[in-house]
Every structure is written in structure tokens, then in C-alpha cells.
C-alpha atoms as a PDB file:
ATOM      1  CA  UNK A   1       0.000   0.000   0.000  1.00  0.00           C
ATOM      2  CA  UNK A   2       1.410   3.359  -1.037  1.00  0.00           C
ATOM      3  CA  UNK A   3       1.628   6.196   1.489  1.00  0.00           C
ATOM      4  CA  UNK A   4      -1.223   8.210  -0.064  1.00  0.00           C
ATOM      5  CA  UNK A   5      -3.506   5.158   0.049  1.00  0.00           C
ATOM      6  CA  UNK A   6      -2.494   4.481   3.640  1.00  0.00           C
ATOM      7  CA  UNK A   7      -3.164   8.111   4.619  1.00  0.00           C
ATOM      8  CA  UNK A   8      -6.595   8.040   2.970  1.00  0.00           C
ATOM      9  CA  UNK A   9      -7.484   4.802   4.753  1.00  0.00           C
ATOM     10  CA  UNK A  10      -6.171   6.194   8.053  1.00  0.00           C
ATOM     11  CA  UNK A  11      -8.327   9.311   7.736  1.00  0.00           C
ATOM     12  CA  UNK A  12     -11.375   7.240   6.812  1.00  0.00           C
ATOM     13  CA  UNK A  13     -10.853   4.999   9.846  1.00  0.00           C
ATOM     14  CA  UNK A  14     -10.489   8.031  12.125  1.00  0.00           C
ATOM     15  CA  UNK A  15     -13.660   9.638  10.786  1.00  0.00           C
ATOM     16  CA  UNK A  16     -15.527   6.380  11.366  1.00  0.00           C
ATOM     17  CA  UNK A  17     -14.154   6.119  14.908  1.00  0.00           C
ATOM     18  CA  UNK A  18     -15.129   9.731  15.607  1.00  0.00           C
ATOM     19  CA  UNK A  19     -18.679   9.046  14.440  1.00  0.00           C
ATOM     20  CA  UNK A  20     -18.912   5.912  16.593  1.00  0.00           C
ATOM     21  CA  UNK A  21     -17.542   7.780  19.614  1.00  0.00           C
ATOM     22  CA  UNK A  22     -19.979  10.643  19.042  1.00  0.00           C
ATOM     23  CA  UNK A  23     -22.951   8.259  18.863  1.00  0.00           C
ATOM     24  CA  UNK A  24     -21.741   6.385  21.957  1.00  0.00           C
ATOM     25  CA  UNK A  25     -21.305   9.626  23.929  1.00  0.00           C
ATOM     26  CA  UNK A  26     -24.728  10.810  22.833  1.00  0.00           C
ATOM     27  CA  UNK A  27     -26.289   7.521  23.960  1.00  0.00           C
ATOM     28  CA  UNK A  28     -24.629   7.850  27.369  1.00  0.00           C
ATOM     29  CA  UNK A  29     -25.937  11.383  27.731  1.00  0.00           C
ATOM     30  CA  UNK A  30     -29.470  10.279  26.841  1.00  0.00           C
ATOM     31  CA  UNK A  31     -29.248   7.509  29.442  1.00  0.00           C
ATOM     32  CA  UNK A  32     -28.128   9.993  32.087  1.00  0.00           C
ATOM     33  CA  UNK A  33     -31.349  11.964  31.569  1.00  0.00           C
ATOM     34  CA  UNK A  34     -33.547   8.996  32.464  1.00  0.00           C
ATOM     35  CA  UNK A  35     -33.521   9.407  36.285  1.00  0.00           C
ATOM     36  CA  UNK A  36     -34.786  12.983  35.819  1.00  0.00           C
ATOM     37  CA  UNK A  37     -37.356  11.832  33.278  1.00  0.00           C
ATOM     38  CA  UNK A  38     -38.637   9.449  35.951  1.00  0.00           C
ATOM     39  CA  UNK A  39     -39.045  12.473  38.212  1.00  0.00           C
ATOM     40  CA  UNK A  40     -41.093  14.200  35.508  1.00  0.00           C
ATOM     41  CA  UNK A  41     -43.525  11.276  35.614  1.00  0.00           C
ATOM     42  CA  UNK A  42     -43.798  11.759  39.381  1.00  0.00           C
ATOM     43  CA  UNK A  43     -44.494  15.445  38.742  1.00  0.00           C
ATOM     44  CA  UNK A  44     -47.258  14.451  36.332  1.00  0.00           C
ATOM     45  CA  UNK A  45     -48.752  12.106  38.907  1.00  0.00           C
ATOM     46  CA  UNK A  46     -48.750  14.897  41.468  1.00  0.00           C
ATOM     47  CA  UNK A  47     -50.542  17.284  39.107  1.00  0.00           C
ATOM     48  CA  UNK A  48     -53.112  14.601  38.336  1.00  0.00           C
ATOM     49  CA  UNK A  49     -53.647  13.663  41.985  1.00  0.00           C
ATOM     50  CA  UNK A  50     -53.950  17.295  43.106  1.00  0.00           C
ATOM     51  CA  UNK A  51     -55.936  18.364  40.014  1.00  0.00           C
ATOM     52  CA  UNK A  52     -53.315  21.058  39.372  1.00  0.00           C
ATOM     53  CA  UNK A  53     -52.488  22.761  36.062  1.00  0.00           C
ATOM     54  CA  UNK A  54     -49.052  23.620  34.694  1.00  0.00           C
ATOM     55  CA  UNK A  55     -47.893  25.792  31.791  1.00  0.00           C
ATOM     56  CA  UNK A  56     -44.310  25.767  30.509  1.00  0.00           C
ATOM     57  CA  UNK A  57     -43.262  28.351  27.915  1.00  0.00           C
ATOM     58  CA  UNK A  58     -40.212  27.396  25.838  1.00  0.00           C
ATOM     59  CA  UNK A  59     -38.830  30.387  23.977  1.00  0.00           C
ATOM     60  CA  UNK A  60     -35.622  31.261  22.150  1.00  0.00           C
ATOM     61  CA  UNK A  61     -34.187  32.114  18.762  1.00  0.00           C
ATOM     62  CA  UNK A  62     -34.500  29.640  15.899  1.00  0.00           C
ATOM     63  CA  UNK A  63     -32.023  26.745  16.191  1.00  0.00           C
ATOM     64  CA  UNK A  64     -31.641  27.329  19.931  1.00  0.00           C
ATOM     65  CA  UNK A  65     -32.698  23.746  20.723  1.00  0.00           C
ATOM     66  CA  UNK A  66     -36.266  24.280  21.904  1.00  0.00           C
ATOM     67  CA  UNK A  67     -37.800  21.347  20.048  1.00  0.00           C
ATOM     68  CA  UNK A  68     -35.155  18.835  21.092  1.00  0.00           C
ATOM     69  CA  UNK A  69     -35.487  19.881  24.725  1.00  0.00           C
ATOM     70  CA  UNK A  70     -39.275  19.523  24.625  1.00  0.00           C
ATOM     71  CA  UNK A  71     -38.920  16.022  23.160  1.00  0.00           C
ATOM     72  CA  UNK A  72     -36.631  15.000  26.030  1.00  0.00           C
ATOM     73  CA  UNK A  73     -38.946  16.551  28.622  1.00  0.00           C
ATOM     74  CA  UNK A  74     -41.980  14.657  27.340  1.00  0.00           C
ATOM     75  CA  UNK A  75     -40.270  11.468  26.145  1.00  0.00           C
ATOM     76  CA  UNK A  76     -41.635   9.176  28.865  1.00  0.00           C
ATOM     77  CA  UNK A  77     -44.550  11.275  30.083  1.00  0.00           C
ATOM     78  CA  UNK A  78     -48.092   9.947  30.171  1.00  0.00           C
ATOM     79  CA  UNK A  79     -49.565  11.173  26.882  1.00  0.00           C
ATOM     80  CA  UNK A  80     -52.994  11.545  28.472  1.00  0.00           C
ATOM     81  CA  UNK A  81     -51.758  14.278  30.769  1.00  0.00           C
ATOM     82  CA  UNK A  82     -49.592  16.543  28.640  1.00  0.00           C
ATOM     83  CA  UNK A  83     -49.818  18.478  25.385  1.00  0.00           C
ATOM     84  CA  UNK A  84     -47.257  20.275  23.235  1.00  0.00           C
ATOM     85  CA  UNK A  85     -48.715  23.401  21.634  1.00  0.00           C
ATOM     86  CA  UNK A  86     -46.993  25.009  18.660  1.00  0.00           C
ATOM     87  CA  UNK A  87     -49.432  27.428  17.047  1.00  0.00           C
ATOM     88  CA  UNK A  88     -49.004  28.641  13.480  1.00  0.00           C
ATOM     89  CA  UNK A  89     -50.050  31.940  11.994  1.00  0.00           C
ATOM     90  CA  UNK A  90     -53.335  33.309  13.374  1.00  0.00           C
ATOM     91  CA  UNK A  91     -56.369  33.042  11.123  1.00  0.00           C
ATOM     92  CA  UNK A  92     -58.218  36.108   9.861  1.00  0.00           C
ATOM     93  CA  UNK A  93     -60.792  35.606  12.620  1.00  0.00           C
ATOM     94  CA  UNK A  94     -58.118  35.187  15.310  1.00  0.00           C
ATOM     95  CA  UNK A  95     -56.481  38.435  14.240  1.00  0.00           C
ATOM     96  CA  UNK A  96     -59.686  40.242  15.263  1.00  0.00           C
ATOM     97  CA  UNK A  97     -59.770  38.614  18.721  1.00  0.00           C
ATOM     98  CA  UNK A  98     -58.061  39.455  21.993  1.00  0.00           C
ATOM     99  CA  UNK A  99     -54.401  38.630  21.368  1.00  0.00           C
ATOM    100  CA  UNK A 100     -54.148  36.061  24.172  1.00  0.00           C
ATOM    101  CA  UNK A 101     -57.394  34.297  23.242  1.00  0.00           C
ATOM    102  CA  UNK A 102     -56.017  31.580  20.971  1.00  0.00           C
ATOM    103  CA  UNK A 103     -53.402  30.718  23.579  1.00  0.00           C
ATOM    104  CA  UNK A 104     -55.904  30.628  26.427  1.00  0.00           C
ATOM    105  CA  UNK A 105     -57.950  28.152  24.385  1.00  0.00           C
ATOM    106  CA  UNK A 106     -54.985  25.762  24.665  1.00  0.00           C
ATOM    107  CA  UNK A 107     -54.562  26.052  28.436  1.00  0.00           C
ATOM    108  CA  UNK A 108     -54.410  22.852  30.519  1.00  0.00           C
ATOM    109  CA  UNK A 109     -57.270  21.374  32.469  1.00  0.00           C
ATOM    110  CA  UNK A 110     -56.804  19.972  35.975  1.00  0.00           C
ATOM    111  CA  UNK A 111     -54.065  17.329  36.103  1.00  0.00           C
ATOM    112  CA  UNK A 112     -52.478  18.411  32.816  1.00  0.00           C
ATOM    113  CA  UNK A 113     -49.259  20.096  31.740  1.00  0.00           C
ATOM    114  CA  UNK A 114     -49.075  22.123  28.513  1.00  0.00           C
ATOM    115  CA  UNK A 115     -45.738  23.038  26.936  1.00  0.00           C
ATOM    116  CA  UNK A 116     -45.822  25.942  24.500  1.00  0.00           C
ATOM    117  CA  UNK A 117     -43.177  25.631  21.773  1.00  0.00           C
ATOM    118  CA  UNK A 118     -43.165  29.397  21.269  1.00  0.00           C
ATOM    119  CA  UNK A 119     -45.988  31.294  22.874  1.00  0.00           C
ATOM    120  CA  UNK A 120     -47.582  34.708  23.153  1.00  0.00           C
ATOM    121  CA  UNK A 121     -44.019  36.050  23.290  1.00  0.00           C
ATOM    122  CA  UNK A 122     -43.974  35.944  19.482  1.00  0.00           C
ATOM    123  CA  UNK A 123     -45.314  39.468  19.868  1.00  0.00           C
ATOM    124  CA  UNK A 124     -42.274  40.479  21.913  1.00  0.00           C
ATOM    125  CA  UNK A 125     -39.652  39.544  19.299  1.00  0.00           C
ATOM    126  CA  UNK A 126     -40.570  37.972  15.956  1.00  0.00           C
ATOM    127  CA  UNK A 127     -43.678  40.035  15.181  1.00  0.00           C
ATOM    128  CA  UNK A 128     -42.255  43.535  15.750  1.00  0.00           C
ATOM    129  CA  UNK A 129     -38.972  42.728  13.988  1.00  0.00           C
ATOM    130  CA  UNK A 130     -40.659  41.434  10.846  1.00  0.00           C
ATOM    131  CA  UNK A 131     -43.515  43.913  10.894  1.00  0.00           C
ATOM    132  CA  UNK A 132     -46.236  41.410  11.773  1.00  0.00           C
ATOM    133  CA  UNK A 133     -47.665  43.777  14.397  1.00  0.00           C
ATOM    134  CA  UNK A 134     -47.858  47.537  14.874  1.00  0.00           C
ATOM    135  CA  UNK A 135     -45.882  49.498  17.454  1.00  0.00           C
ATOM    136  CA  UNK A 136     -49.139  50.120  19.314  1.00  0.00           C
ATOM    137  CA  UNK A 137     -49.937  46.391  19.388  1.00  0.00           C
ATOM    138  CA  UNK A 138     -46.441  45.656  20.687  1.00  0.00           C
ATOM    139  CA  UNK A 139     -46.703  48.291  23.433  1.00  0.00           C
ATOM    140  CA  UNK A 140     -50.141  47.068  24.485  1.00  0.00           C
ATOM    141  CA  UNK A 141     -48.795  43.526  24.724  1.00  0.00           C
ATOM    142  CA  UNK A 142     -45.586  44.316  26.589  1.00  0.00           C
ATOM    143  CA  UNK A 143     -47.480  46.366  29.179  1.00  0.00           C
ATOM    144  CA  UNK A 144     -50.288  43.872  29.698  1.00  0.00           C
ATOM    145  CA  UNK A 145     -48.433  40.556  29.653  1.00  0.00           C
ATOM    146  CA  UNK A 146     -47.006  40.826  33.216  1.00  0.00           C
ATOM    147  CA  UNK A 147     -50.529  41.412  34.552  1.00  0.00           C
ATOM    148  CA  UNK A 148     -51.873  38.518  32.464  1.00  0.00           C
ATOM    149  CA  UNK A 149     -49.192  36.150  33.790  1.00  0.00           C
ATOM    150  CA  UNK A 150     -49.531  37.158  37.430  1.00  0.00           C
ATOM    151  CA  UNK A 151     -53.235  36.420  37.057  1.00  0.00           C
ATOM    152  CA  UNK A 152     -52.326  32.876  35.995  1.00  0.00           C
ATOM    153  CA  UNK A 153     -50.340  32.417  39.202  1.00  0.00           C
ATOM    154  CA  UNK A 154     -53.184  33.856  41.270  1.00  0.00           C
ATOM    155  CA  UNK A 155     -55.533  31.340  39.680  1.00  0.00           C
ATOM    156  CA  UNK A 156     -53.366  28.418  40.761  1.00  0.00           C
ATOM    157  CA  UNK A 157     -51.352  27.596  37.636  1.00  0.00           C
ATOM    158  CA  UNK A 158     -47.790  26.366  37.958  1.00  0.00           C
ATOM    159  CA  UNK A 159     -46.098  28.634  35.420  1.00  0.00           C
ATOM    160  CA  UNK A 160     -42.541  28.386  34.038  1.00  0.00           C
ATOM    161  CA  UNK A 161     -40.859  30.595  31.425  1.00  0.00           C
ATOM    162  CA  UNK A 162     -37.674  29.194  29.847  1.00  0.00           C
ATOM    163  CA  UNK A 163     -35.572  31.021  27.256  1.00  0.00           C
ATOM    164  CA  UNK A 164     -32.942  29.034  25.326  1.00  0.00           C
ATOM    165  CA  UNK A 165     -30.010  31.318  24.511  1.00  0.00           C
ATOM    166  CA  UNK A 166     -27.808  30.267  21.587  1.00  0.00           C
ATOM    167  CA  UNK A 167     -24.730  32.110  20.306  1.00  0.00           C
ATOM    168  CA  UNK A 168     -24.624  33.593  16.812  1.00  0.00           C
ATOM    169  CA  UNK A 169     -21.872  31.203  15.687  1.00  0.00           C
ATOM    170  CA  UNK A 170     -23.752  28.144  16.918  1.00  0.00           C
ATOM    171  CA  UNK A 171     -26.994  29.299  15.316  1.00  0.00           C
ATOM    172  CA  UNK A 172     -25.141  29.725  12.015  1.00  0.00           C
ATOM    173  CA  UNK A 173     -23.593  26.251  12.362  1.00  0.00           C
ATOM    174  CA  UNK A 174     -27.012  24.681  12.968  1.00  0.00           C
ATOM    175  CA  UNK A 175     -28.542  26.552  10.021  1.00  0.00           C
ATOM    176  CA  UNK A 176     -25.757  25.254   7.748  1.00  0.00           C
ATOM    177  CA  UNK A 177     -26.380  21.748   9.046  1.00  0.00           C
ATOM    178  CA  UNK A 178     -30.078  22.096   8.171  1.00  0.00           C
ATOM    179  CA  UNK A 179     -29.187  23.198   4.645  1.00  0.00           C
ATOM    180  CA  UNK A 180     -27.018  20.137   3.982  1.00  0.00           C
ATOM    181  CA  UNK A 181     -28.881  17.447   5.944  1.00  0.00           C
ATOM    182  CA  UNK A 182     -31.961  16.175   4.043  1.00  0.00           C
ATOM    183  CA  UNK A 183     -33.454  14.987   7.333  1.00  0.00           C
ATOM    184  CA  UNK A 184     -33.371  18.535   8.717  1.00  0.00           C
ATOM    185  CA  UNK A 185     -34.029  20.707   5.663  1.00  0.00           C
ATOM    186  CA  UNK A 186     -37.725  20.947   6.543  1.00  0.00           C
ATOM    187  CA  UNK A 187     -36.727  22.952   9.622  1.00  0.00           C
ATOM    188  CA  UNK A 188     -35.258  25.772   7.526  1.00  0.00           C
ATOM    189  CA  UNK A 189     -37.717  28.552   6.682  1.00  0.00           C
ATOM    190  CA  UNK A 190     -37.445  31.860   4.860  1.00  0.00           C
ATOM    191  CA  UNK A 191     -37.474  33.696   8.183  1.00  0.00           C
ATOM    192  CA  UNK A 192     -34.670  31.450   9.462  1.00  0.00           C
ATOM    193  CA  UNK A 193     -32.483  32.639   6.607  1.00  0.00           C
ATOM    194  CA  UNK A 194     -32.859  36.217   7.870  1.00  0.00           C
ATOM    195  CA  UNK A 195     -32.095  35.439  11.508  1.00  0.00           C
ATOM    196  CA  UNK A 196     -28.349  35.925  11.201  1.00  0.00           C
ATOM    197  CA  UNK A 197     -28.795  39.247   9.394  1.00  0.00           C
ATOM    198  CA  UNK A 198     -31.239  40.442  12.064  1.00  0.00           C
ATOM    199  CA  UNK A 199     -29.175  39.123  14.987  1.00  0.00           C
ATOM    200  CA  UNK A 200     -28.669  42.532  16.632  1.00  0.00           C
ATOM    201  CA  UNK A 201     -32.348  43.387  16.271  1.00  0.00           C
ATOM    202  CA  UNK A 202     -33.297  40.183  18.055  1.00  0.00           C
ATOM    203  CA  UNK A 203     -30.738  40.877  20.782  1.00  0.00           C
ATOM    204  CA  UNK A 204     -32.235  44.298  21.519  1.00  0.00           C
ATOM    205  CA  UNK A 205     -35.781  42.913  21.507  1.00  0.00           C
ATOM    206  CA  UNK A 206     -34.713  40.074  23.799  1.00  0.00           C
ATOM    207  CA  UNK A 207     -33.284  42.642  26.201  1.00  0.00           C
ATOM    208  CA  UNK A 208     -36.512  44.662  26.182  1.00  0.00           C
ATOM    209  CA  UNK A 209     -38.586  41.524  26.653  1.00  0.00           C
ATOM    210  CA  UNK A 210     -36.611  40.360  29.671  1.00  0.00           C
ATOM    211  CA  UNK A 211     -36.442  43.822  31.201  1.00  0.00           C
ATOM    212  CA  UNK A 212     -40.190  44.402  30.916  1.00  0.00           C
ATOM    213  CA  UNK A 213     -41.581  40.918  31.587  1.00  0.00           C
ATOM    214  CA  UNK A 214     -39.239  39.368  34.166  1.00  0.00           C
ATOM    215  CA  UNK A 215     -41.049  39.721  37.497  1.00  0.00           C
ATOM    216  CA  UNK A 216     -40.697  38.216  40.946  1.00  0.00           C
ATOM    217  CA  UNK A 217     -43.837  36.131  40.466  1.00  0.00           C
ATOM    218  CA  UNK A 218     -43.236  35.234  36.806  1.00  0.00           C
ATOM    219  CA  UNK A 219     -39.457  35.122  36.320  1.00  0.00           C
ATOM    220  CA  UNK A 220     -37.570  34.084  33.212  1.00  0.00           C
ATOM    221  CA  UNK A 221     -35.047  31.247  33.371  1.00  0.00           C
ATOM    222  CA  UNK A 222     -32.387  31.706  30.680  1.00  0.00           C
ATOM    223  CA  UNK A 223     -30.462  28.594  29.634  1.00  0.00           C
ATOM    224  CA  UNK A 224     -27.293  28.661  27.515  1.00  0.00           C
ATOM    225  CA  UNK A 225     -28.024  26.135  24.765  1.00  0.00           C
ATOM    226  CA  UNK A 226     -24.898  25.760  22.630  1.00  0.00           C
ATOM    227  CA  UNK A 227     -24.412  22.433  24.427  1.00  0.00           C
ATOM    228  CA  UNK A 228     -27.721  20.679  23.754  1.00  0.00           C
ATOM    229  CA  UNK A 229     -27.350  18.019  26.435  1.00  0.00           C
ATOM    230  CA  UNK A 230     -26.557  20.490  29.218  1.00  0.00           C
ATOM    231  CA  UNK A 231     -29.427  22.718  28.101  1.00  0.00           C
ATOM    232  CA  UNK A 232     -31.893  19.805  28.149  1.00  0.00           C
ATOM    233  CA  UNK A 233     -30.767  18.565  31.554  1.00  0.00           C
ATOM    234  CA  UNK A 234     -31.000  22.011  33.102  1.00  0.00           C
ATOM    235  CA  UNK A 235     -34.401  22.657  31.516  1.00  0.00           C
ATOM    236  CA  UNK A 236     -35.719  19.445  33.089  1.00  0.00           C
ATOM    237  CA  UNK A 237     -34.253  20.431  36.465  1.00  0.00           C
ATOM    238  CA  UNK A 238     -35.845  23.879  36.183  1.00  0.00           C
ATOM    239  CA  UNK A 239     -39.279  22.332  35.675  1.00  0.00           C
ATOM    240  CA  UNK A 240     -38.817  19.783  38.465  1.00  0.00           C
ATOM    241  CA  UNK A 241     -37.702  22.477  40.907  1.00  0.00           C
ATOM    242  CA  UNK A 242     -40.891  24.427  40.269  1.00  0.00           C
ATOM    243  CA  UNK A 243     -43.362  21.867  41.622  1.00  0.00           C
ATOM    244  CA  UNK A 244     -43.455  20.357  45.159  1.00  0.00           C
ATOM    245  CA  UNK A 245     -44.263  16.871  43.902  1.00  0.00           C
ATOM    246  CA  UNK A 246     -44.136  13.789  46.115  1.00  0.00           C
ATOM    247  CA  UNK A 247     -41.534  11.014  46.483  1.00  0.00           C
ATOM    248  CA  UNK A 248     -38.665  13.127  45.131  1.00  0.00           C
ATOM    249  CA  UNK A 249     -35.460  11.127  44.642  1.00  0.00           C
ATOM    250  CA  UNK A 250     -33.083  12.965  46.938  1.00  0.00           C
ATOM    251  CA  UNK A 251     -30.114  10.989  45.614  1.00  0.00           C
ATOM    252  CA  UNK A 252     -30.296  13.075  42.444  1.00  0.00           C
ATOM    253  CA  UNK A 253     -28.687  16.483  42.042  1.00  0.00           C
ATOM    254  CA  UNK A 254     -31.423  18.993  41.228  1.00  0.00           C
ATOM    255  CA  UNK A 255     -29.096  22.008  41.299  1.00  0.00           C
ATOM    256  CA  UNK A 256     -28.946  23.875  38.007  1.00  0.00           C
ATOM    257  CA  UNK A 257     -25.545  24.679  36.543  1.00  0.00           C
ATOM    258  CA  UNK A 258     -24.771  28.365  37.294  1.00  0.00           C
ATOM    259  CA  UNK A 259     -22.606  28.508  34.147  1.00  0.00           C
ATOM    260  CA  UNK A 260     -25.572  27.411  32.042  1.00  0.00           C
ATOM    261  CA  UNK A 261     -28.600  28.851  33.848  1.00  0.00           C
ATOM    262  CA  UNK A 262     -29.314  32.490  34.772  1.00  0.00           C
ATOM    263  CA  UNK A 263     -32.479  34.059  36.043  1.00  0.00           C
ATOM    264  CA  UNK A 264     -33.855  36.904  33.955  1.00  0.00           C
ATOM    265  CA  UNK A 265     -32.438  39.600  36.220  1.00  0.00           C
ATOM    266  CA  UNK A 266     -28.893  38.258  35.895  1.00  0.00           C
ATOM    267  CA  UNK A 267     -29.281  37.906  32.125  1.00  0.00           C
ATOM    268  CA  UNK A 268     -30.382  41.542  31.916  1.00  0.00           C
ATOM    269  CA  UNK A 269     -27.231  42.600  33.774  1.00  0.00           C
ATOM    270  CA  UNK A 270     -25.026  40.520  31.455  1.00  0.00           C
ATOM    271  CA  UNK A 271     -26.737  41.932  28.373  1.00  0.00           C
ATOM    272  CA  UNK A 272     -26.387  45.499  29.611  1.00  0.00           C
ATOM    273  CA  UNK A 273     -22.653  45.018  30.041  1.00  0.00           C
ATOM    274  CA  UNK A 274     -22.308  43.465  26.575  1.00  0.00           C
ATOM    275  CA  UNK A 275     -24.428  46.149  24.917  1.00  0.00           C
ATOM    276  CA  UNK A 276     -22.490  48.904  26.695  1.00  0.00           C
ATOM    277  CA  UNK A 277     -19.200  47.472  25.385  1.00  0.00           C
ATOM    278  CA  UNK A 278     -20.664  47.576  21.865  1.00  0.00           C
ATOM    279  CA  UNK A 279     -21.904  51.131  22.339  1.00  0.00           C
ATOM    280  CA  UNK A 280     -25.514  50.053  21.854  1.00  0.00           C
ATOM    281  CA  UNK A 281     -26.812  50.619  25.373  1.00  0.00           C
ATOM    282  CA  UNK A 282     -27.228  53.802  27.362  1.00  0.00           C
ATOM    283  CA  UNK A 283     -28.502  53.147  30.874  1.00  0.00           C
END
């Protein structure tokens, strides 16, 4: 075998080994989620037994890992007691209704958990950036949403708001992967293609959203999501820590990773420092 042939074979073998190692590592990570997924079933049982209702909002930029996290959260859940809600564009009739109405129609009944894969917070970021709402509609929403959410708490809902925060480089990498992978091309939309160009716009709108809708009663939990596994694990822990369910496995570590998870207030502080460095923030 000539040297060039040997080198080609060597590289091929290494690529194969890397793929095998990656799949093996991924399988180990998935297995390590299972004890926490068992706890999610206990949480479901508690909600059912106590006739309680829970809403989880999962927000973030495109390609931030929202869908994958939701699939891990619900993987072993009892299908009778949870729903994933991902609403499309409002109909002509819905556009004439109270903005929150079509979301309220999807709210859980007693003993059920509903996970919103994007929610009413479309009006806080996507809609104003792409001109899908007026400035007046945005202002009305951003002023009223804290009152709306506090009312949910007062009416006995368990309510969790999670924002998956991905870096610009990682978002670009995931978009490129979607373009080249036929199994993922369906995920790529026309709006996705503009996300990198509008990155700064989304950053400023994210800042405004957190600043105006993070409250003591309805806080945001921001999760760094470049590492999908860590983001999923910490999202599950965030949900588990929100409900005083029974028979909690105290041998597990329910502490969220402070390098991965920030509350909304801390994220606002970090963003203000970053924006000030860029000359885009005057406080």
C-alpha cells in the first residue's frame, strides 16, 4: 500500500471512529437523563392527583434547541396528561380577537401540563422585527403581559418561562447543518435565513422583553443552549424544581448549573454590560 492510500485509509478509519464515539457519547448522555425523566412522571402524577395545572413556555431564537429539549422533557410522560402546543399563523378571525385568546384556548385542564413551543411572546420579538404587528400592538402587549401572567399564578397555575439562549456562531452552524442534511431541511424557513442578518435586532428585543416581563412572580429562566445536552438537563431540572411533587429522589442532584442557567435579572445585567461594550446601550 502506497503512502497516499495508507493516509486516505487512516483518515477514513479516524472519521468512522469519531462518528462511533460521538454516537456512543450521545447515547450515554441520553441515558443519564432517564432518572430525571422518571421524576417528571412523578411530577405528572402529582398534578393529576392534586388536580393542578401547569404551563411551561419554551422560547428562544431559531435553532436554539427548543424542540429537542421539549422532546426529552416529554419522552416518557403519560400522553394523556400533557400536550405540546406550537401554534401557526393566526387566522383572519383570530387576528380580530383578543391577542391572548387563541393561547388561552390551549390552556391545561386539571391534572395536565401544557408546553408551549413558542408562545404569546412571538409578539415580543418575531412580530415587531418582521412587521407582523404595529408598534401600538407591541406596546399594548408588553405592558399587559405581566398582569396577564400574574393572574395565571393567582388562579393556581404552575407557570414556568424558559428562554434558550444560543450564540450567533452556533446558530449559524445549525442553520448550515439544516441546509445540507436532508433529514433537517424541513426545519429551515425563509425567516430562518434572515435570523443571522437580524441578529442585533433580536438581541435588543430580547433585552426589552426580559427587562419588561421578568417579574418576581413570573421570572424568566435563561439557559445557555450551545451544548444541547446540558441545556436539556437544566431545563428538566428547572421544571422539576418548580413543583413540590411527592416522592422526590433525593439521591439526584437537582441544582442547576450556574454557568448554564441564569435568572432573567442576571441575564439583563449581562446583556447590559455586553451592549455597553458595543456602544448600543445607554442606561
